[in-house]
Each structure stands twice: as structure tokens, then as C-alpha cells.
Amino acid sequence: MQPVKLYTLSTCSHCNATKKLLNDCAVKYESTDLDMLSGNEKAAILEEVKKFNPECSFPTIIIGDKVIVGFKEKEIKEALGL
């Protein structure tokens, strides 16, 4: 399976729905809650997010080389091959 990376906010309902979907589908993923970081670490991750999603909106989901912005269940499942 392709690597899955999430950039999220801990208080975002769409971000939490994305995590729930991935958990329900038993997909392994790496997740970073941007609002839980501070200082240089937060600034560095924000720059990383901008490379994939210049708008810096959440969730930003990277599945292999595909970037999905927002909770788009059908698109996420398709990218995962589910």
C-alpha cells in the first residue's frame, strides 16, 4: 500500500472524520496535528504543507503522489484502492 500522510488540526471535524475513515479501513498513516506544534517545528511543518496545498487548509492528505484537500471520502477510498 502507498504511504499515507495527513496534515490536520486536532479540533477539525473533517480532519477527525478522515482519521476515522482511515482507521475504519485499517489503513496505516502518519498524522501531524499542526495546532499541537509550536515555534520552529510548527513553521517547518507549515512550509511542508504549503508544498502540497498552498491554501494551507485541512485536512491535507497525501496518498502516494496524490494530494487530497478536505474530507472527500470517495476520492480518498479511490486513491487507496478501496
N, C-alpha and C. Protein backbone atom coordinates (compact mmCIF):
# COMPACT_ATOMS: atom_id res chain seq x y z
N MET A 1 0.84 -1.20 0.00
CA MET A 1 0.00 0.00 0.00
C MET A 1 0.88 1.25 0.00
N GLN A 2 0.38 2.29 -0.65
CA GLN A 2 1.12 3.55 -0.74
C GLN A 2 1.19 4.22 0.62
N PRO A 3 2.26 4.99 0.88
CA PRO A 3 2.33 5.71 2.15
C PRO A 3 1.24 6.78 2.23
N VAL A 4 0.68 6.95 3.43
CA VAL A 4 -0.39 7.93 3.64
C VAL A 4 0.07 8.90 4.73
N LYS A 5 0.01 10.18 4.42
CA LYS A 5 0.40 11.21 5.38
C LYS A 5 -0.74 12.22 5.50
N LEU A 6 -1.06 12.58 6.73
CA LEU A 6 -2.12 13.55 6.99
C LEU A 6 -1.54 14.77 7.69
N TYR A 7 -1.98 15.92 7.27
CA TYR A 7 -1.71 17.16 7.99
C TYR A 7 -3.08 17.63 8.46
N THR A 8 -3.24 17.74 9.79
CA THR A 8 -4.56 18.00 10.36
C THR A 8 -4.49 19.03 11.49
N LEU A 9 -5.68 19.39 11.97
CA LEU A 9 -5.83 20.18 13.20
C LEU A 9 -6.61 19.29 14.16
N SER A 10 -6.21 19.26 15.41
CA SER A 10 -6.84 18.35 16.37
C SER A 10 -8.32 18.67 16.61
N THR A 11 -8.72 19.92 16.37
CA THR A 11 -10.10 20.34 16.65
C THR A 11 -11.00 20.33 15.41
N CYS A 12 -10.45 19.90 14.27
CA CYS A 12 -11.18 19.97 12.99
C CYS A 12 -12.03 18.72 12.78
N SER A 13 -13.34 18.91 12.60
CA SER A 13 -14.24 17.76 12.44
C SER A 13 -13.95 16.99 11.16
N HIS A 14 -13.58 17.69 10.08
CA HIS A 14 -13.24 17.00 8.83
C HIS A 14 -11.95 16.19 8.97
N CYS A 15 -11.01 16.74 9.74
CA CYS A 15 -9.75 16.02 9.98
C CYS A 15 -10.03 14.75 10.78
N ASN A 16 -10.87 14.87 11.80
CA ASN A 16 -11.19 13.71 12.63
C ASN A 16 -11.98 12.67 11.85
N ALA A 17 -12.84 13.12 10.94
CA ALA A 17 -13.60 12.19 10.08
C ALA A 17 -12.64 11.43 9.16
N THR A 18 -11.61 12.13 8.68
CA THR A 18 -10.61 11.48 7.81
C THR A 18 -9.86 10.40 8.58
N LYS A 19 -9.43 10.73 9.81
CA LYS A 19 -8.73 9.74 10.64
C LYS A 19 -9.62 8.54 10.92
N LYS A 20 -10.89 8.80 11.21
CA LYS A 20 -11.83 7.71 11.50
C LYS A 20 -11.99 6.81 10.27
N LEU A 21 -12.12 7.43 9.10
CA LEU A 21 -12.25 6.65 7.86
C LEU A 21 -11.03 5.75 7.66
N LEU A 22 -9.84 6.32 7.82
CA LEU A 22 -8.62 5.53 7.64
C LEU A 22 -8.52 4.41 8.68
N ASN A 23 -8.89 4.72 9.91
CA ASN A 23 -8.87 3.70 10.97
C ASN A 23 -9.88 2.59 10.67
N ASP A 24 -11.09 2.99 10.25
CA ASP A 24 -12.14 2.01 9.93
C ASP A 24 -11.72 1.10 8.78
N CYS A 25 -10.92 1.63 7.86
CA CYS A 25 -10.45 0.86 6.70
C CYS A 25 -9.12 0.16 6.98
N ALA A 26 -8.65 0.25 8.23
CA ALA A 26 -7.39 -0.37 8.67
C ALA A 26 -6.20 0.10 7.82
N VAL A 27 -6.18 1.40 7.52
CA VAL A 27 -5.08 1.98 6.74
C VAL A 27 -4.07 2.58 7.71
N LYS A 28 -2.80 2.22 7.52
CA LYS A 28 -1.75 2.82 8.34
C LYS A 28 -1.43 4.19 7.76
N TYR A 29 -1.28 5.17 8.65
CA TYR A 29 -0.98 6.52 8.19
C TYR A 29 -0.16 7.26 9.22
N GLU A 30 0.51 8.30 8.76
CA GLU A 30 1.27 9.18 9.64
C GLU A 30 0.50 10.49 9.70
N SER A 31 0.25 10.98 10.90
CA SER A 31 -0.57 12.18 11.05
C SER A 31 0.16 13.23 11.88
N THR A 32 0.03 14.48 11.46
CA THR A 32 0.60 15.60 12.20
C THR A 32 -0.50 16.61 12.48
N ASP A 33 -0.80 16.83 13.77
CA ASP A 33 -1.77 17.86 14.18
C ASP A 33 -1.01 19.17 14.31
N LEU A 34 -1.21 20.04 13.33
CA LEU A 34 -0.45 21.29 13.28
C LEU A 34 -0.67 22.18 14.50
N ASP A 35 -1.90 22.18 15.03
CA ASP A 35 -2.19 23.06 16.17
C ASP A 35 -1.56 22.57 17.47
N MET A 36 -0.97 21.38 17.46
CA MET A 36 -0.32 20.85 18.66
C MET A 36 1.19 21.16 18.66
N LEU A 37 1.66 21.77 17.57
CA LEU A 37 3.08 22.11 17.46
C LEU A 37 3.26 23.60 17.79
N SER A 38 4.51 23.98 18.00
CA SER A 38 4.78 25.40 18.23
C SER A 38 6.15 25.77 17.68
N GLY A 39 6.37 27.05 17.59
CA GLY A 39 7.68 27.58 17.20
C GLY A 39 8.18 27.09 15.87
N ASN A 40 9.49 26.75 15.84
CA ASN A 40 10.16 26.34 14.61
C ASN A 40 9.56 25.08 14.01
N GLU A 41 9.15 24.15 14.87
CA GLU A 41 8.58 22.89 14.38
C GLU A 41 7.29 23.17 13.60
N LYS A 42 6.44 24.04 14.17
CA LYS A 42 5.18 24.40 13.51
C LYS A 42 5.46 25.11 12.19
N ALA A 43 6.40 26.04 12.18
CA ALA A 43 6.75 26.79 10.97
C ALA A 43 7.28 25.85 9.89
N ALA A 44 8.09 24.87 10.26
CA ALA A 44 8.67 23.93 9.29
C ALA A 44 7.57 23.05 8.68
N ILE A 45 6.65 22.57 9.50
CA ILE A 45 5.55 21.72 9.00
C ILE A 45 4.62 22.54 8.11
N LEU A 46 4.38 23.79 8.48
CA LEU A 46 3.53 24.67 7.67
C LEU A 46 4.13 24.85 6.27
N GLU A 47 5.44 25.00 6.19
CA GLU A 47 6.11 25.12 4.90
C GLU A 47 5.94 23.83 4.09
N GLU A 48 6.00 22.69 4.78
CA GLU A 48 5.81 21.38 4.15
C GLU A 48 4.39 21.29 3.56
N VAL A 49 3.39 21.70 4.35
CA VAL A 49 2.00 21.66 3.90
C VAL A 49 1.82 22.53 2.66
N LYS A 50 2.44 23.72 2.65
CA LYS A 50 2.30 24.66 1.53
C LYS A 50 2.79 24.06 0.21
N LYS A 51 3.76 23.14 0.27
CA LYS A 51 4.26 22.49 -0.95
C LYS A 51 3.15 21.67 -1.61
N PHE A 52 2.32 21.05 -0.78
CA PHE A 52 1.24 20.20 -1.28
C PHE A 52 -0.06 20.99 -1.48
N ASN A 53 -0.28 21.97 -0.60
CA ASN A 53 -1.54 22.70 -0.57
C ASN A 53 -1.27 24.16 -0.20
N PRO A 54 -1.04 25.01 -1.21
CA PRO A 54 -0.70 26.42 -0.95
C PRO A 54 -1.73 27.15 -0.10
N GLU A 55 -2.98 26.67 -0.09
CA GLU A 55 -4.03 27.31 0.71
C GLU A 55 -3.87 27.01 2.20
N CYS A 56 -3.10 25.96 2.52
CA CYS A 56 -2.91 25.53 3.91
C CYS A 56 -4.24 25.27 4.62
N SER A 57 -5.13 24.56 3.94
CA SER A 57 -6.39 24.18 4.57
C SER A 57 -6.28 22.71 5.00
N PHE A 58 -7.18 22.32 5.87
CA PHE A 58 -7.07 20.99 6.47
C PHE A 58 -8.38 20.22 6.38
N PRO A 59 -8.30 18.90 6.31
CA PRO A 59 -7.07 18.10 6.25
C PRO A 59 -6.43 18.16 4.87
N THR A 60 -5.10 18.05 4.86
CA THR A 60 -4.34 17.84 3.64
C THR A 60 -3.85 16.41 3.72
N ILE A 61 -4.25 15.60 2.73
CA ILE A 61 -3.97 14.17 2.75
C ILE A 61 -3.08 13.83 1.56
N ILE A 62 -1.97 13.15 1.83
CA ILE A 62 -1.09 12.72 0.75
C ILE A 62 -1.11 11.20 0.72
N ILE A 63 -1.55 10.66 -0.41
CA ILE A 63 -1.59 9.21 -0.59
C ILE A 63 -0.70 8.91 -1.79
N GLY A 64 0.48 8.36 -1.52
CA GLY A 64 1.45 8.17 -2.60
C GLY A 64 1.82 9.53 -3.15
N ASP A 65 1.54 9.76 -4.45
CA ASP A 65 1.85 11.08 -5.03
C ASP A 65 0.58 11.89 -5.28
N LYS A 66 -0.54 11.44 -4.71
CA LYS A 66 -1.81 12.14 -4.88
C LYS A 66 -2.10 13.00 -3.64
N VAL A 67 -2.52 14.23 -3.87
CA VAL A 67 -2.86 15.14 -2.77
C VAL A 67 -4.37 15.38 -2.79
N ILE A 68 -5.00 15.16 -1.64
CA ILE A 68 -6.44 15.41 -1.49
C ILE A 68 -6.59 16.43 -0.37
N VAL A 69 -7.33 17.49 -0.65
CA VAL A 69 -7.56 18.52 0.36
C VAL A 69 -9.01 18.45 0.78
N GLY A 70 -9.23 18.26 2.08
CA GLY A 70 -10.58 18.16 2.60
C GLY A 70 -11.00 16.71 2.76
N PHE A 71 -12.12 16.50 3.45
CA PHE A 71 -12.63 15.14 3.67
C PHE A 71 -13.51 14.77 2.48
N LYS A 72 -12.90 14.08 1.52
CA LYS A 72 -13.61 13.63 0.31
C LYS A 72 -13.54 12.11 0.31
N GLU A 73 -14.49 11.49 1.01
CA GLU A 73 -14.45 10.05 1.27
C GLU A 73 -14.25 9.22 -0.01
N LYS A 74 -15.04 9.52 -1.05
CA LYS A 74 -14.96 8.75 -2.29
C LYS A 74 -13.56 8.86 -2.91
N GLU A 75 -13.04 10.08 -2.96
CA GLU A 75 -11.72 10.33 -3.54
C GLU A 75 -10.62 9.64 -2.73
N ILE A 76 -10.74 9.69 -1.40
CA ILE A 76 -9.76 9.04 -0.52
C ILE A 76 -9.75 7.54 -0.75
N LYS A 77 -10.96 6.94 -0.77
CA LYS A 77 -11.06 5.50 -0.98
C LYS A 77 -10.51 5.09 -2.33
N GLU A 78 -10.81 5.88 -3.36
CA GLU A 78 -10.28 5.59 -4.71
C GLU A 78 -8.77 5.63 -4.71
N ALA A 79 -8.18 6.66 -4.08
CA ALA A 79 -6.72 6.80 -4.04
C ALA A 79 -6.07 5.63 -3.28
N LEU A 80 -6.81 5.09 -2.31
CA LEU A 80 -6.30 3.95 -1.53
C LEU A 80 -6.57 2.62 -2.22
N GLY A 81 -7.38 2.65 -3.28
CA GLY A 81 -7.74 1.43 -3.97
C GLY A 81 -8.74 0.60 -3.19
N LEU A 82 -9.63 1.26 -2.45
CA LEU A 82 -10.62 0.55 -1.63
C LEU A 82 -11.97 0.51 -2.34
